[in-house]
Amino acid sequence: MNNLNQELSTEFSDYQVAIKPRPDGKLLLTLHRGGELVVNRAIEREAMQSKACLHSAIRELVRDIKLEAGEVTCQGDTSQWLYRELPTFTGAPICQTVAKTLVRRRKLELCGAR
């Protein structure tokens, strides 16, 4: 966890970085600036073991901070911030059967609403 603290402290040098373990095994990351809470995020502990995952999480945090500050637009060079992989809860690919039944249920709901 020391490497994680060092990496986050280096990347977010303008912020006070705090990482605390949560009861569910995740890590709670909080960023403060000037005594004001900027980000409060739960991060998977396993995801922080890899450099690539850590840099991806840092990029998401930077993007979220920029979004809230109004610094990200959908045009020009900054559109790169809008790319993000879709999350899965288990890390496994989406089951086709579940996807098909979800579509069928939504179609039935739409037909019933008419």
Protein backbone atom coordinates (compact mmCIF):
# COMPACT_ATOMS: atom_id res chain seq x y z
CA MET A 1 0.00 0.00 0.00
CA ASN A 2 3.03 2.27 0.39
CA ASN A 3 3.61 2.21 -3.39
CA LEU A 4 -0.04 3.17 -3.88
CA ASN A 5 0.31 6.06 -1.43
CA GLN A 6 3.50 7.26 -3.12
CA GLU A 7 2.02 7.04 -6.61
CA LEU A 8 -1.18 8.88 -5.64
CA SER A 9 0.68 11.50 -3.62
CA THR A 10 2.97 12.16 -6.58
CA GLU A 11 0.10 12.36 -9.08
CA PHE A 12 -2.12 14.49 -6.83
CA SER A 13 0.54 16.69 -5.24
CA ASP A 14 -1.96 19.58 -4.85
CA TYR A 15 -4.26 17.41 -2.71
CA GLN A 16 -4.13 15.73 0.68
CA VAL A 17 -4.43 12.01 -0.11
CA ALA A 18 -5.87 9.55 2.41
CA ILE A 19 -6.36 5.81 1.86
CA LYS A 20 -8.22 3.71 4.40
CA PRO A 21 -9.33 0.07 4.27
CA ARG A 22 -13.07 -0.57 4.14
CA PRO A 23 -14.88 -3.51 5.80
CA ASP A 24 -15.72 -5.02 2.39
CA GLY A 25 -12.02 -5.30 1.47
CA LYS A 26 -11.89 -2.28 -0.83
CA LEU A 27 -9.87 0.87 -0.20
CA LEU A 28 -11.48 4.25 0.46
CA LEU A 29 -9.57 7.01 -1.31
CA THR A 30 -10.25 10.61 -0.32
CA LEU A 31 -8.71 13.71 -1.84
CA HIS A 32 -8.94 17.04 -0.02
CA ARG A 33 -7.81 20.44 -1.24
CA GLY A 34 -7.82 23.40 1.09
CA GLY A 35 -9.80 21.48 3.70
CA GLU A 36 -12.57 20.74 1.19
CA LEU A 37 -13.46 17.20 0.08
CA VAL A 38 -12.85 16.82 -3.66
CA VAL A 39 -13.09 13.05 -4.24
CA ASN A 40 -14.31 10.18 -2.10
CA ARG A 41 -13.96 6.89 -4.01
CA ALA A 42 -13.96 3.16 -3.25
CA ILE A 43 -11.20 1.32 -5.13
CA GLU A 44 -10.74 -2.42 -5.52
CA ARG A 45 -7.68 -3.55 -3.59
CA GLU A 46 -6.77 -6.15 -6.24
CA ALA A 47 -6.94 -3.56 -9.02
CA MET A 48 -4.21 -1.55 -7.34
CA GLN A 49 -1.68 -4.39 -7.61
CA SER A 50 -0.99 -3.71 -11.29
CA LYS A 51 0.67 -0.55 -12.63
CA ALA A 52 -1.71 -0.46 -15.61
CA CYS A 53 -4.79 -0.66 -13.36
CA LEU A 54 -3.37 1.97 -11.04
CA HIS A 55 -2.74 4.38 -13.91
CA SER A 56 -6.24 3.70 -15.24
CA ALA A 57 -7.74 4.53 -11.82
CA ILE A 58 -5.64 7.71 -11.59
CA ARG A 59 -6.78 8.74 -15.08
CA GLU A 60 -10.42 8.23 -14.07
CA LEU A 61 -9.91 10.35 -10.95
CA VAL A 62 -8.28 13.14 -12.95
CA ARG A 63 -11.14 12.99 -15.47
CA ASP A 64 -13.79 13.12 -12.74
CA ILE A 65 -12.10 16.09 -11.09
CA LYS A 66 -11.92 17.87 -14.46
CA LEU A 67 -15.57 17.05 -15.21
CA GLU A 68 -16.71 18.54 -11.95
CA ALA A 69 -14.59 21.63 -12.50
CA GLY A 70 -16.05 22.05 -16.01
CA GLU A 71 -12.66 21.66 -17.70
CA VAL A 72 -13.66 18.78 -20.01
CA THR A 73 -15.60 19.32 -23.20
CA CYS A 74 -16.81 16.90 -25.86
CA GLN A 75 -15.02 18.66 -28.72
CA GLY A 76 -11.43 18.95 -29.79
CA ASP A 77 -8.41 17.36 -28.18
CA THR A 78 -10.06 16.80 -24.80
CA SER A 79 -12.57 14.27 -26.18
CA GLN A 80 -10.02 11.61 -25.20
CA TRP A 81 -11.27 11.93 -21.62
CA LEU A 82 -14.61 10.47 -22.60
CA TYR A 83 -13.24 6.97 -23.34
CA ARG A 84 -13.78 4.43 -20.58
CA GLU A 85 -14.27 0.70 -20.49
CA LEU A 86 -17.63 -0.49 -19.23
CA PRO A 87 -17.41 -1.87 -15.69
CA THR A 88 -18.46 -5.39 -14.77
CA PHE A 89 -19.12 -6.40 -11.21
CA THR A 90 -17.35 -9.73 -11.34
CA GLY A 91 -14.79 -8.96 -14.00
CA ALA A 92 -16.32 -11.71 -16.15
CA PRO A 93 -17.83 -11.08 -19.59
CA ILE A 94 -21.56 -10.43 -19.80
CA CYS A 95 -23.60 -13.62 -20.13
CA GLN A 96 -25.51 -13.71 -23.43
CA THR A 97 -28.53 -15.39 -21.84
CA VAL A 98 -28.89 -12.63 -19.27
CA ALA A 99 -28.54 -9.97 -21.97
CA LYS A 100 -31.21 -11.64 -24.13
CA THR A 101 -33.71 -11.93 -21.28
CA LEU A 102 -33.08 -8.32 -20.32
CA VAL A 103 -33.91 -7.18 -23.84
CA ARG A 104 -37.03 -9.36 -23.89
CA ARG A 105 -38.20 -7.97 -20.52
CA ARG A 106 -37.69 -4.38 -21.69
CA LYS A 107 -39.66 -5.05 -24.87
CA LEU A 108 -42.51 -6.53 -22.84
CA GLU A 109 -42.49 -3.53 -20.50
CA LEU A 110 -42.67 -1.18 -23.47
CA CYS A 111 -45.57 -3.13 -25.01
CA GLY A 112 -47.39 -3.14 -21.67
CA ALA A 113 -46.98 0.64 -21.29
CA ARG A 114 -48.78 1.31 -24.58
